[in-house]
């Protein structure tokens, strides 16, 4: 399991110079506060997948574990941006009836969390939202072979990719990639395209 953490170059320079300034982070603009974290199952060969489908709604997950599905203008932009990136990599978008190889879910995790540690537990906790029936696998759950940690102070956008091609051989749908965006302004519509693009740019192994 590999984690990639991208920190803007200016942020690195500011941290180095921290001893000379009282509050260097306050000098960063909105774009420079963003962090992009990606995880993937290193045993998976992404060239084995050809088709995909993005969930038509977004999960809103809060501290008290209240969950709901939404599809507002921002959600639509995120789904469209992910679709664009997948197509640009050479994958073909299909419907559930055509049995996509890859399923992609999007979540907004809101409020304060101190460590979202075990991805396996994470998927189990939100099983009620991520309905496997939407991928054509009623009665299935989700699982992830990797563990990661990150702290959420206000909110993150999380994109999760699942292996549907081999789901029939298991009792759970396997997570093979996760991308997380943190920082100021991540829920602004104007930044959606560049944010999603950044996740995929540091995940060059995603291609058929």
N, C-alpha and C. Protein backbone atom coordinates (compact mmCIF):
# COMPACT_ATOMS: atom_id res chain seq x y z
N UNK A 1 0.84 -1.18 0.00
CA UNK A 1 0.00 0.00 0.00
C UNK A 1 0.87 1.22 0.00
N UNK A 2 0.65 2.12 -0.92
CA UNK A 2 1.45 3.32 -1.00
C UNK A 2 0.58 4.53 -0.79
N UNK A 3 1.06 5.48 0.01
CA UNK A 3 0.37 6.74 0.18
C UNK A 3 1.22 7.83 -0.43
N UNK A 4 0.59 8.70 -1.20
CA UNK A 4 1.27 9.84 -1.80
C UNK A 4 0.66 11.09 -1.23
N UNK A 5 1.48 11.95 -0.67
CA UNK A 5 1.02 13.20 -0.08
C UNK A 5 1.68 14.34 -0.82
N UNK A 6 0.89 15.15 -1.48
CA UNK A 6 1.41 16.25 -2.27
C UNK A 6 1.26 17.55 -1.50
N UNK A 7 2.36 18.27 -1.30
CA UNK A 7 2.34 19.55 -0.60
C UNK A 7 2.89 20.60 -1.55
N UNK A 8 2.13 21.67 -1.80
CA UNK A 8 2.60 22.70 -2.71
C UNK A 8 3.99 23.20 -2.34
N UNK A 9 4.81 23.48 -3.33
CA UNK A 9 6.19 23.89 -3.10
C UNK A 9 6.28 25.11 -2.20
N UNK A 10 5.37 26.05 -2.38
CA UNK A 10 5.41 27.26 -1.58
C UNK A 10 5.20 26.94 -0.11
N UNK A 11 4.34 25.96 0.18
CA UNK A 11 4.09 25.58 1.56
C UNK A 11 5.37 25.03 2.18
N UNK A 12 6.15 24.24 1.43
CA UNK A 12 7.41 23.71 1.94
C UNK A 12 8.36 24.84 2.30
N UNK A 13 8.46 25.82 1.41
CA UNK A 13 9.36 26.96 1.66
C UNK A 13 8.92 27.74 2.88
N UNK A 14 7.61 27.89 3.05
CA UNK A 14 7.10 28.64 4.19
C UNK A 14 7.42 27.92 5.49
N UNK A 15 7.28 26.57 5.49
CA UNK A 15 7.58 25.80 6.69
C UNK A 15 9.05 25.94 7.07
N UNK A 16 9.93 25.93 6.07
CA UNK A 16 11.36 26.09 6.33
C UNK A 16 11.65 27.43 6.97
N UNK A 17 10.89 28.43 6.53
CA UNK A 17 11.12 29.78 7.04
C UNK A 17 10.31 30.10 8.28
N UNK A 18 9.66 29.09 8.86
CA UNK A 18 8.73 29.32 9.97
C UNK A 18 9.39 30.02 11.15
N UNK A 19 10.68 29.76 11.37
CA UNK A 19 11.35 30.36 12.52
C UNK A 19 11.49 31.86 12.40
N UNK A 20 11.31 32.39 11.22
CA UNK A 20 11.47 33.82 11.00
C UNK A 20 10.14 34.56 10.94
N UNK A 21 9.05 33.83 11.00
CA UNK A 21 7.74 34.48 10.92
C UNK A 21 6.85 33.99 12.04
N UNK A 22 5.90 34.80 12.45
CA UNK A 22 5.01 34.46 13.53
C UNK A 22 3.92 33.48 13.10
N UNK A 23 3.38 33.65 11.91
CA UNK A 23 2.28 32.81 11.47
C UNK A 23 2.37 32.59 9.96
N UNK A 24 3.33 31.79 9.51
CA UNK A 24 3.56 31.64 8.06
C UNK A 24 2.38 31.05 7.33
N UNK A 25 1.64 30.11 7.95
CA UNK A 25 0.54 29.46 7.26
C UNK A 25 -0.55 30.45 6.89
N UNK A 26 -0.71 31.51 7.68
CA UNK A 26 -1.75 32.49 7.40
C UNK A 26 -1.48 33.24 6.11
N UNK A 27 -0.24 33.15 5.60
CA UNK A 27 0.10 33.86 4.38
C UNK A 27 -0.23 33.06 3.13
N UNK A 28 -0.63 31.80 3.29
CA UNK A 28 -0.95 30.97 2.13
C UNK A 28 -2.29 31.39 1.54
N UNK A 29 -2.38 31.34 0.21
CA UNK A 29 -3.69 31.58 -0.39
C UNK A 29 -4.49 30.29 -0.36
N UNK A 30 -5.75 30.36 -0.77
CA UNK A 30 -6.65 29.21 -0.66
C UNK A 30 -6.12 27.99 -1.38
N UNK A 31 -5.61 28.17 -2.60
CA UNK A 31 -5.11 27.04 -3.38
C UNK A 31 -3.93 26.35 -2.69
N UNK A 32 -3.09 27.14 -2.01
CA UNK A 32 -1.87 26.59 -1.42
C UNK A 32 -2.13 25.82 -0.12
N UNK A 33 -3.34 25.88 0.41
CA UNK A 33 -3.64 25.13 1.63
C UNK A 33 -4.08 23.70 1.34
N UNK A 34 -4.30 23.37 0.08
CA UNK A 34 -4.88 22.07 -0.26
C UNK A 34 -3.85 20.95 -0.26
N UNK A 35 -4.28 19.81 0.28
CA UNK A 35 -3.46 18.60 0.29
C UNK A 35 -4.20 17.52 -0.49
N UNK A 36 -3.46 16.74 -1.24
CA UNK A 36 -4.04 15.67 -2.05
C UNK A 36 -3.39 14.35 -1.62
N UNK A 37 -4.20 13.44 -1.11
CA UNK A 37 -3.71 12.17 -0.59
C UNK A 37 -4.34 11.04 -1.40
N UNK A 38 -3.52 10.13 -1.90
CA UNK A 38 -4.04 8.99 -2.65
C UNK A 38 -3.49 7.69 -2.08
N UNK A 39 -4.34 6.69 -2.05
CA UNK A 39 -3.97 5.34 -1.62
C UNK A 39 -4.44 4.36 -2.69
N UNK A 40 -3.69 3.28 -2.90
CA UNK A 40 -4.17 2.26 -3.82
C UNK A 40 -3.64 0.89 -3.42
N UNK A 41 -4.32 -0.13 -3.87
CA UNK A 41 -3.91 -1.50 -3.63
C UNK A 41 -2.80 -1.82 -4.63
N UNK A 42 -1.59 -1.97 -4.13
CA UNK A 42 -0.44 -2.18 -5.02
C UNK A 42 -0.46 -3.52 -5.73
N UNK A 43 -1.35 -4.41 -5.33
CA UNK A 43 -1.43 -5.72 -6.01
C UNK A 43 -2.34 -5.68 -7.23
N UNK A 44 -3.02 -4.55 -7.43
CA UNK A 44 -3.98 -4.44 -8.53
C UNK A 44 -3.33 -3.88 -9.78
N UNK A 45 -3.61 -4.50 -10.91
CA UNK A 45 -3.16 -4.01 -12.21
C UNK A 45 -4.33 -3.30 -12.87
N UNK A 46 -4.27 -1.98 -12.91
CA UNK A 46 -5.39 -1.20 -13.42
C UNK A 46 -5.61 -1.38 -14.92
N UNK A 47 -4.63 -1.95 -15.61
CA UNK A 47 -4.82 -2.17 -17.05
C UNK A 47 -5.82 -3.29 -17.31
N UNK A 48 -6.20 -4.02 -16.28
CA UNK A 48 -7.16 -5.09 -16.45
C UNK A 48 -8.60 -4.62 -16.49
N UNK A 49 -8.81 -3.31 -16.26
CA UNK A 49 -10.16 -2.75 -16.28
C UNK A 49 -10.34 -1.88 -17.52
N UNK A 50 -11.54 -1.90 -18.08
CA UNK A 50 -11.80 -1.15 -19.30
C UNK A 50 -12.96 -0.17 -19.17
N UNK A 51 -13.93 -0.46 -18.30
CA UNK A 51 -15.14 0.35 -18.21
C UNK A 51 -15.37 0.82 -16.77
N UNK A 52 -16.21 1.85 -16.62
CA UNK A 52 -16.46 2.40 -15.29
C UNK A 52 -17.84 3.04 -15.23
N UNK A 53 -18.28 3.28 -13.99
CA UNK A 53 -19.47 4.06 -13.74
C UNK A 53 -19.29 4.82 -12.43
N UNK A 54 -19.65 6.12 -12.43
CA UNK A 54 -19.59 6.94 -11.22
C UNK A 54 -20.98 6.98 -10.61
N UNK A 55 -21.06 6.83 -9.29
CA UNK A 55 -22.34 6.91 -8.60
C UNK A 55 -23.03 8.23 -8.95
N UNK A 56 -24.35 8.22 -9.09
CA UNK A 56 -25.06 9.43 -9.51
C UNK A 56 -25.41 10.36 -8.36
N UNK A 57 -24.90 10.08 -7.14
CA UNK A 57 -25.12 10.96 -6.00
C UNK A 57 -23.87 10.97 -5.13
N UNK A 58 -23.82 11.91 -4.18
CA UNK A 58 -22.67 12.08 -3.30
C UNK A 58 -23.10 11.83 -1.86
N UNK A 59 -22.25 11.16 -1.08
CA UNK A 59 -22.55 10.90 0.33
C UNK A 59 -22.11 12.10 1.17
N UNK A 60 -22.97 12.53 2.09
CA UNK A 60 -22.60 13.53 3.08
C UNK A 60 -22.49 12.82 4.41
N UNK A 61 -21.30 12.78 4.98
CA UNK A 61 -21.04 12.05 6.21
C UNK A 61 -20.56 13.04 7.27
N UNK A 62 -21.23 13.09 8.42
CA UNK A 62 -20.89 14.04 9.46
C UNK A 62 -20.42 13.34 10.73
N UNK A 63 -19.98 14.14 11.71
CA UNK A 63 -19.44 13.60 12.96
C UNK A 63 -20.39 12.64 13.67
N UNK A 64 -21.67 12.97 13.64
CA UNK A 64 -22.62 12.14 14.37
C UNK A 64 -23.09 10.95 13.52
N UNK A 65 -22.37 10.69 12.42
CA UNK A 65 -22.62 9.55 11.55
C UNK A 65 -23.97 9.64 10.83
N UNK A 66 -24.54 10.84 10.79
CA UNK A 66 -25.72 11.01 9.97
C UNK A 66 -25.28 10.99 8.52
N UNK A 67 -26.06 10.31 7.69
CA UNK A 67 -25.68 10.14 6.30
C UNK A 67 -26.85 10.48 5.38
N UNK A 68 -26.53 11.04 4.25
CA UNK A 68 -27.56 11.31 3.26
C UNK A 68 -26.92 11.35 1.88
N UNK A 69 -27.73 11.25 0.87
CA UNK A 69 -27.28 11.34 -0.51
C UNK A 69 -27.71 12.68 -1.08
N UNK A 70 -26.85 13.31 -1.84
CA UNK A 70 -27.20 14.59 -2.46
C UNK A 70 -26.76 14.59 -3.92
N UNK A 71 -27.36 15.51 -4.68
CA UNK A 71 -26.95 15.73 -6.07
C UNK A 71 -27.29 17.17 -6.42
N UNK A 72 -26.51 18.12 -5.83
CA UNK A 72 -26.71 19.52 -6.15
C UNK A 72 -25.75 19.91 -7.27
N UNK A 73 -25.64 21.20 -7.56
CA UNK A 73 -24.80 21.63 -8.68
C UNK A 73 -23.33 21.30 -8.44
N UNK A 74 -22.87 21.43 -7.19
CA UNK A 74 -21.48 21.10 -6.87
C UNK A 74 -21.23 19.60 -7.07
N UNK A 75 -22.13 18.78 -6.55
CA UNK A 75 -22.00 17.33 -6.70
C UNK A 75 -21.91 16.94 -8.17
N UNK A 76 -22.76 17.56 -8.98
CA UNK A 76 -22.77 17.26 -10.42
C UNK A 76 -21.43 17.60 -11.07
N UNK A 77 -20.83 18.70 -10.62
CA UNK A 77 -19.53 19.09 -11.17
C UNK A 77 -18.45 18.09 -10.80
N UNK A 78 -18.49 17.60 -9.56
CA UNK A 78 -17.51 16.61 -9.12
C UNK A 78 -17.64 15.32 -9.92
N UNK A 79 -18.87 14.85 -10.06
CA UNK A 79 -19.12 13.62 -10.82
C UNK A 79 -18.67 13.79 -12.26
N UNK A 80 -18.95 14.96 -12.84
CA UNK A 80 -18.54 15.22 -14.22
C UNK A 80 -17.02 15.28 -14.36
N UNK A 81 -16.34 15.87 -13.36
CA UNK A 81 -14.89 15.99 -13.41
C UNK A 81 -14.22 14.61 -13.32
N UNK A 82 -14.75 13.75 -12.46
CA UNK A 82 -14.23 12.40 -12.34
C UNK A 82 -14.44 11.63 -13.65
N UNK A 83 -15.62 11.80 -14.21
CA UNK A 83 -15.93 11.14 -15.49
C UNK A 83 -14.96 11.58 -16.58
N UNK A 84 -14.68 12.87 -16.63
CA UNK A 84 -13.75 13.41 -17.61
C UNK A 84 -12.36 12.82 -17.44
N UNK A 85 -11.89 12.73 -16.19
CA UNK A 85 -10.57 12.18 -15.94
C UNK A 85 -10.49 10.71 -16.32
N UNK A 86 -11.52 9.95 -16.00
CA UNK A 86 -11.51 8.52 -16.34
C UNK A 86 -11.51 8.32 -17.85
N UNK A 87 -12.31 9.11 -18.56
CA UNK A 87 -12.35 9.01 -20.02
C UNK A 87 -11.02 9.42 -20.63
N UNK A 88 -10.39 10.44 -20.07
CA UNK A 88 -9.11 10.91 -20.60
C UNK A 88 -8.01 9.87 -20.42
N UNK A 89 -8.20 8.99 -19.44
CA UNK A 89 -7.24 7.90 -19.21
C UNK A 89 -7.49 6.72 -20.15
N UNK A 90 -8.63 6.73 -20.83
CA UNK A 90 -8.92 5.67 -21.78
C UNK A 90 -9.99 4.70 -21.35
N UNK A 91 -10.64 4.96 -20.21
CA UNK A 91 -11.72 4.09 -19.76
C UNK A 91 -13.04 4.50 -20.43
N UNK A 92 -13.95 3.56 -20.56
CA UNK A 92 -15.24 3.81 -21.20
C UNK A 92 -16.34 3.81 -20.15
N UNK A 93 -17.16 4.86 -20.17
CA UNK A 93 -18.29 4.96 -19.23
C UNK A 93 -19.45 4.11 -19.73
N UNK A 94 -20.01 3.29 -18.83
CA UNK A 94 -21.13 2.43 -19.19
C UNK A 94 -22.19 2.48 -18.09
N UNK A 95 -23.33 1.91 -18.36
CA UNK A 95 -24.40 1.84 -17.37
C UNK A 95 -24.27 0.57 -16.54
N UNK A 96 -25.06 0.48 -15.48
CA UNK A 96 -25.04 -0.73 -14.65
C UNK A 96 -25.41 -1.97 -15.46
N UNK A 97 -26.33 -1.79 -16.41
CA UNK A 97 -26.77 -2.91 -17.23
C UNK A 97 -25.62 -3.51 -18.03
N UNK A 98 -24.61 -2.68 -18.33
CA UNK A 98 -23.45 -3.16 -19.09
C UNK A 98 -22.34 -3.68 -18.19
N UNK A 99 -22.61 -3.77 -16.88
CA UNK A 99 -21.68 -4.34 -15.91
C UNK A 99 -20.30 -3.68 -15.96
N UNK A 100 -20.17 -2.47 -15.41
CA UNK A 100 -18.87 -1.78 -15.42
C UNK A 100 -17.81 -2.54 -14.63
N UNK A 101 -16.57 -2.41 -15.07
CA UNK A 101 -15.44 -3.03 -14.36
C UNK A 101 -15.13 -2.29 -13.07
N UNK A 102 -15.33 -0.98 -13.08
CA UNK A 102 -15.00 -0.13 -11.94
C UNK A 102 -16.21 0.67 -11.50
N UNK A 103 -16.42 0.77 -10.19
CA UNK A 103 -17.46 1.63 -9.63
C UNK A 103 -16.80 2.71 -8.79
N UNK A 104 -17.27 3.94 -8.91
CA UNK A 104 -16.66 5.06 -8.19
C UNK A 104 -17.70 5.77 -7.34
N UNK A 105 -17.42 5.91 -6.05
CA UNK A 105 -18.28 6.63 -5.11
C UNK A 105 -17.59 7.92 -4.68
N UNK A 106 -18.39 8.94 -4.37
CA UNK A 106 -17.88 10.23 -3.91
C UNK A 106 -18.51 10.56 -2.57
N UNK A 107 -17.71 11.07 -1.64
CA UNK A 107 -18.21 11.43 -0.31
C UNK A 107 -17.68 12.78 0.14
N UNK A 108 -18.49 13.51 0.87
CA UNK A 108 -18.05 14.69 1.60
C UNK A 108 -18.07 14.31 3.08
N UNK A 109 -16.92 14.38 3.73
CA UNK A 109 -16.83 14.09 5.16
C UNK A 109 -16.70 15.43 5.87
N UNK A 110 -17.72 15.78 6.66
CA UNK A 110 -17.84 17.11 7.22
C UNK A 110 -17.61 17.10 8.73
N UNK A 111 -17.12 18.22 9.27
CA UNK A 111 -16.88 18.46 10.69
C UNK A 111 -15.52 17.94 11.13
N UNK A 112 -15.35 17.65 12.41
CA UNK A 112 -14.04 17.31 12.96
C UNK A 112 -13.89 15.83 13.26
N UNK A 113 -12.87 15.23 12.66
CA UNK A 113 -12.51 13.85 12.94
C UNK A 113 -11.04 13.83 13.35
N UNK A 114 -10.69 12.97 14.25
CA UNK A 114 -9.29 12.83 14.64
C UNK A 114 -8.84 11.41 14.34
N UNK A 115 -8.65 11.14 13.07
CA UNK A 115 -8.11 9.86 12.66
C UNK A 115 -9.15 8.93 12.09
N UNK A 116 -9.21 8.87 10.79
CA UNK A 116 -10.04 7.90 10.08
C UNK A 116 -9.06 6.81 9.70
N UNK A 117 -8.93 5.78 10.56
CA UNK A 117 -7.76 4.92 10.51
C UNK A 117 -7.92 3.70 9.61
N UNK A 118 -8.86 2.85 9.93
CA UNK A 118 -8.98 1.58 9.22
C UNK A 118 -10.00 1.70 8.10
N UNK A 119 -9.54 1.66 6.87
CA UNK A 119 -10.45 1.81 5.74
C UNK A 119 -11.50 0.72 5.71
N UNK A 120 -11.12 -0.46 6.19
CA UNK A 120 -12.09 -1.55 6.23
C UNK A 120 -13.26 -1.21 7.14
N UNK A 121 -12.96 -0.69 8.33
CA UNK A 121 -14.03 -0.28 9.24
C UNK A 121 -14.82 0.89 8.68
N UNK A 122 -14.11 1.75 7.97
CA UNK A 122 -14.75 2.92 7.36
C UNK A 122 -15.82 2.48 6.38
N UNK A 123 -15.48 1.53 5.51
CA UNK A 123 -16.45 1.07 4.53
C UNK A 123 -17.61 0.36 5.20
N UNK A 124 -17.32 -0.42 6.25
CA UNK A 124 -18.39 -1.11 6.96
C UNK A 124 -19.33 -0.12 7.63
N UNK A 125 -18.76 0.97 8.19
CA UNK A 125 -19.57 1.97 8.90
C UNK A 125 -20.55 2.65 7.98
N UNK A 126 -20.16 2.84 6.72
CA UNK A 126 -21.01 3.57 5.80
C UNK A 126 -21.63 2.67 4.74
N UNK A 127 -21.73 1.40 5.09
CA UNK A 127 -22.35 0.42 4.19
C UNK A 127 -23.77 0.83 3.84
N UNK A 128 -24.49 1.44 4.81
CA UNK A 128 -25.87 1.83 4.57
C UNK A 128 -25.98 2.86 3.45
N UNK A 129 -24.95 3.72 3.33
CA UNK A 129 -24.99 4.70 2.24
C UNK A 129 -24.55 4.05 0.94
N UNK A 130 -23.40 3.40 0.97
CA UNK A 130 -22.88 2.81 -0.26
C UNK A 130 -23.62 1.52 -0.52
N UNK A 131 -24.70 1.62 -1.17
CA UNK A 131 -25.57 0.49 -1.42
C UNK A 131 -25.04 -0.35 -2.57
N UNK A 132 -24.52 -1.56 -2.30
CA UNK A 132 -23.97 -2.40 -3.37
C UNK A 132 -25.02 -2.74 -4.43
N UNK A 133 -26.29 -2.60 -4.08
CA UNK A 133 -27.35 -2.90 -5.04
C UNK A 133 -27.25 -1.97 -6.25
N UNK A 134 -26.74 -0.75 -6.02
CA UNK A 134 -26.62 0.20 -7.13
C UNK A 134 -25.61 -0.27 -8.17
N UNK A 135 -24.71 -1.18 -7.77
CA UNK A 135 -23.76 -1.74 -8.72
C UNK A 135 -24.24 -3.11 -9.21
N UNK A 136 -25.39 -3.55 -8.70
CA UNK A 136 -25.91 -4.85 -9.12
C UNK A 136 -25.46 -6.00 -8.23
N UNK A 137 -25.01 -5.68 -6.99
CA UNK A 137 -24.53 -6.71 -6.09
C UNK A 137 -25.27 -6.63 -4.75
N UNK A 138 -26.55 -6.86 -4.77
CA UNK A 138 -27.35 -6.83 -3.55
C UNK A 138 -26.83 -7.85 -2.55
N UNK A 139 -26.75 -7.45 -1.28
CA UNK A 139 -26.29 -8.35 -0.23
C UNK A 139 -24.79 -8.33 -0.01
N UNK A 140 -24.06 -7.62 -0.88
CA UNK A 140 -22.61 -7.53 -0.72
C UNK A 140 -22.25 -6.38 0.21
N UNK A 141 -21.06 -6.45 0.81
CA UNK A 141 -20.50 -5.33 1.56
C UNK A 141 -19.27 -4.82 0.84
N UNK A 142 -18.49 -3.96 1.53
CA UNK A 142 -17.27 -3.42 0.96
C UNK A 142 -16.09 -3.80 1.85
N UNK A 143 -14.90 -3.88 1.26
CA UNK A 143 -13.71 -4.06 2.08
C UNK A 143 -12.52 -3.45 1.38
N UNK A 144 -11.49 -3.14 2.19
CA UNK A 144 -10.28 -2.53 1.65
C UNK A 144 -9.07 -3.26 2.19
N UNK A 145 -8.06 -3.52 1.35
CA UNK A 145 -6.86 -4.21 1.80
C UNK A 145 -5.83 -3.28 2.40
N UNK A 146 -6.12 -1.98 2.46
CA UNK A 146 -5.12 -1.06 2.99
C UNK A 146 -5.65 -0.23 4.15
N UNK A 147 -4.73 0.27 4.95
CA UNK A 147 -5.05 1.09 6.12
C UNK A 147 -4.35 2.42 5.97
N UNK A 148 -5.02 3.49 6.29
CA UNK A 148 -4.42 4.80 6.20
C UNK A 148 -4.95 5.70 7.30
N UNK A 149 -4.28 6.82 7.50
CA UNK A 149 -4.72 7.77 8.52
C UNK A 149 -4.69 9.18 7.96
N UNK A 150 -5.65 9.98 8.37
CA UNK A 150 -5.61 11.41 8.12
C UNK A 150 -6.57 12.09 9.09
N UNK A 151 -6.29 13.34 9.38
CA UNK A 151 -7.12 14.10 10.31
C UNK A 151 -7.94 15.11 9.55
N UNK A 152 -9.20 15.22 9.90
CA UNK A 152 -10.11 16.15 9.25
C UNK A 152 -10.54 17.20 10.25
N UNK A 153 -10.29 18.45 9.96
CA UNK A 153 -10.69 19.52 10.87
C UNK A 153 -11.98 20.19 10.43
N UNK A 154 -12.21 20.30 9.14
CA UNK A 154 -13.42 20.94 8.65
C UNK A 154 -14.16 20.04 7.68
N UNK A 155 -13.47 19.56 6.69
CA UNK A 155 -14.14 18.70 5.72
C UNK A 155 -13.18 18.21 4.67
N UNK A 156 -13.48 17.06 4.09
CA UNK A 156 -12.68 16.54 2.99
C UNK A 156 -13.61 16.03 1.90
N UNK A 157 -13.08 15.97 0.70
CA UNK A 157 -13.77 15.31 -0.40
C UNK A 157 -13.04 14.00 -0.64
N UNK A 158 -13.77 12.89 -0.62
CA UNK A 158 -13.17 11.57 -0.78
C UNK A 158 -13.75 10.88 -2.00
N UNK A 159 -12.87 10.31 -2.83
CA UNK A 159 -13.28 9.57 -4.02
C UNK A 159 -12.78 8.13 -3.87
N UNK A 160 -13.68 7.16 -3.99
CA UNK A 160 -13.33 5.76 -3.78
C UNK A 160 -13.64 4.94 -5.03
N UNK A 161 -12.67 4.12 -5.44
CA UNK A 161 -12.82 3.30 -6.63
C UNK A 161 -12.85 1.82 -6.22
N UNK A 162 -13.83 1.08 -6.78
CA UNK A 162 -14.03 -0.31 -6.41
C UNK A 162 -13.93 -1.24 -7.63
N UNK A 163 -13.44 -2.44 -7.35
CA UNK A 163 -13.33 -3.48 -8.37
C UNK A 163 -14.66 -4.21 -8.48
N UNK A 164 -15.41 -3.92 -9.53
CA UNK A 164 -16.67 -4.62 -9.78
C UNK A 164 -16.48 -5.82 -10.69
N UNK A 165 -15.39 -5.81 -11.44
CA UNK A 165 -15.14 -6.86 -12.41
C UNK A 165 -15.01 -8.22 -11.74
N UNK A 166 -14.36 -8.24 -10.57
CA UNK A 166 -14.13 -9.49 -9.86
C UNK A 166 -15.03 -9.66 -8.65
N UNK A 167 -16.04 -8.78 -8.50
CA UNK A 167 -16.90 -8.83 -7.32
C UNK A 167 -17.66 -10.14 -7.21
N UNK A 168 -18.02 -10.71 -8.33
CA UNK A 168 -18.82 -11.94 -8.31
C UNK A 168 -18.08 -13.10 -7.64
N UNK A 169 -16.76 -13.00 -7.57
CA UNK A 169 -15.97 -14.08 -6.97
C UNK A 169 -15.85 -13.94 -5.46
N UNK A 170 -16.37 -12.83 -4.91
CA UNK A 170 -16.25 -12.57 -3.48
C UNK A 170 -17.62 -12.23 -2.90
N UNK A 171 -17.66 -12.07 -1.58
CA UNK A 171 -18.90 -11.66 -0.91
C UNK A 171 -18.89 -10.18 -0.58
N UNK A 172 -17.79 -9.49 -0.89
CA UNK A 172 -17.69 -8.05 -0.67
C UNK A 172 -17.04 -7.40 -1.88
N UNK A 173 -17.32 -6.12 -2.06
CA UNK A 173 -16.74 -5.37 -3.17
C UNK A 173 -15.44 -4.74 -2.71
N UNK A 174 -14.37 -4.99 -3.42
CA UNK A 174 -13.03 -4.58 -3.00
C UNK A 174 -12.69 -3.15 -3.42
N UNK A 175 -12.22 -2.36 -2.46
CA UNK A 175 -11.72 -1.02 -2.76
C UNK A 175 -10.30 -1.14 -3.29
N UNK A 176 -10.00 -0.44 -4.39
CA UNK A 176 -8.65 -0.52 -4.96
C UNK A 176 -7.97 0.85 -5.04
N UNK A 177 -8.71 1.93 -4.82
CA UNK A 177 -8.09 3.27 -4.87
C UNK A 177 -8.94 4.25 -4.08
N UNK A 178 -8.27 5.17 -3.39
CA UNK A 178 -8.95 6.23 -2.66
C UNK A 178 -8.18 7.53 -2.84
N UNK A 179 -8.89 8.61 -3.12
CA UNK A 179 -8.29 9.92 -3.22
C UNK A 179 -8.99 10.89 -2.30
N UNK A 180 -8.21 11.66 -1.53
CA UNK A 180 -8.77 12.59 -0.55
C UNK A 180 -8.22 13.99 -0.81
N UNK A 181 -9.11 14.97 -0.76
CA UNK A 181 -8.72 16.37 -0.91
C UNK A 181 -9.06 17.12 0.37
N UNK A 182 -8.07 17.79 0.94
CA UNK A 182 -8.25 18.60 2.14
C UNK A 182 -7.83 20.03 1.86
N UNK A 183 -8.33 20.97 2.67
CA UNK A 183 -7.89 22.35 2.57
C UNK A 183 -9.04 23.31 2.39
N UNK A 184 -8.70 24.57 2.32
CA UNK A 184 -9.72 25.62 2.18
C UNK A 184 -10.29 25.65 0.77
N UNK A 185 -11.56 25.95 0.70
CA UNK A 185 -12.20 26.16 -0.60
C UNK A 185 -12.42 24.92 -1.42
N UNK A 186 -12.30 23.71 -0.82
CA UNK A 186 -12.44 22.51 -1.64
C UNK A 186 -13.88 22.27 -2.08
N UNK A 187 -14.84 22.92 -1.41
CA UNK A 187 -16.23 22.77 -1.80
C UNK A 187 -16.72 23.93 -2.65
N UNK A 188 -15.78 24.72 -3.18
CA UNK A 188 -16.13 25.78 -4.11
C UNK A 188 -16.21 25.19 -5.52
N UNK A 189 -17.26 25.51 -6.21
CA UNK A 189 -17.46 24.95 -7.56
C UNK A 189 -16.33 25.30 -8.51
N UNK A 190 -15.73 26.48 -8.33
CA UNK A 190 -14.69 26.94 -9.25
C UNK A 190 -13.42 26.11 -9.19
N UNK A 191 -13.21 25.37 -8.09
CA UNK A 191 -11.97 24.61 -7.92
C UNK A 191 -12.13 23.12 -8.20
N UNK A 192 -13.33 22.69 -8.53
CA UNK A 192 -13.60 21.25 -8.69
C UNK A 192 -12.69 20.60 -9.73
N UNK A 193 -12.64 21.18 -10.91
CA UNK A 193 -11.88 20.58 -12.00
C UNK A 193 -10.41 20.39 -11.66
N UNK A 194 -9.77 21.44 -11.13
CA UNK A 194 -8.35 21.35 -10.84
C UNK A 194 -8.08 20.41 -9.67
N UNK A 195 -9.00 20.34 -8.70
CA UNK A 195 -8.81 19.45 -7.56
C UNK A 195 -8.87 17.98 -7.98
N UNK A 196 -9.89 17.62 -8.73
CA UNK A 196 -10.02 16.24 -9.18
C UNK A 196 -8.86 15.87 -10.11
N UNK A 197 -8.47 16.79 -10.96
CA UNK A 197 -7.35 16.54 -11.87
C UNK A 197 -6.07 16.25 -11.09
N UNK A 198 -5.86 16.98 -9.98
CA UNK A 198 -4.65 16.79 -9.17
C UNK A 198 -4.59 15.38 -8.59
N UNK A 199 -5.73 14.86 -8.16
CA UNK A 199 -5.75 13.49 -7.63
C UNK A 199 -5.31 12.48 -8.68
N UNK A 200 -5.84 12.63 -9.88
CA UNK A 200 -5.52 11.69 -10.94
C UNK A 200 -4.10 11.87 -11.46
N UNK A 201 -3.59 13.10 -11.42
CA UNK A 201 -2.23 13.34 -11.89
C UNK A 201 -1.20 12.62 -11.03
N UNK A 202 -1.47 12.46 -9.75
CA UNK A 202 -0.52 11.74 -8.89
C UNK A 202 -0.87 10.25 -8.80
N UNK A 203 -1.77 9.80 -9.67
CA UNK A 203 -2.15 8.39 -9.74
C UNK A 203 -1.98 7.92 -11.18
N UNK A 204 -0.77 8.02 -11.69
CA UNK A 204 -0.51 7.73 -13.10
C UNK A 204 -0.75 6.27 -13.46
N UNK A 205 -0.81 5.40 -12.46
CA UNK A 205 -1.03 3.97 -12.71
C UNK A 205 -2.47 3.67 -13.10
N UNK A 206 -3.38 4.65 -12.97
CA UNK A 206 -4.78 4.42 -13.34
C UNK A 206 -4.93 4.63 -14.84
N UNK A 207 -4.90 3.53 -15.58
CA UNK A 207 -5.12 3.57 -17.03
C UNK A 207 -5.33 2.14 -17.52
N UNK A 208 -6.13 1.97 -18.58
CA UNK A 208 -6.40 0.61 -19.09
C UNK A 208 -5.23 0.09 -19.95
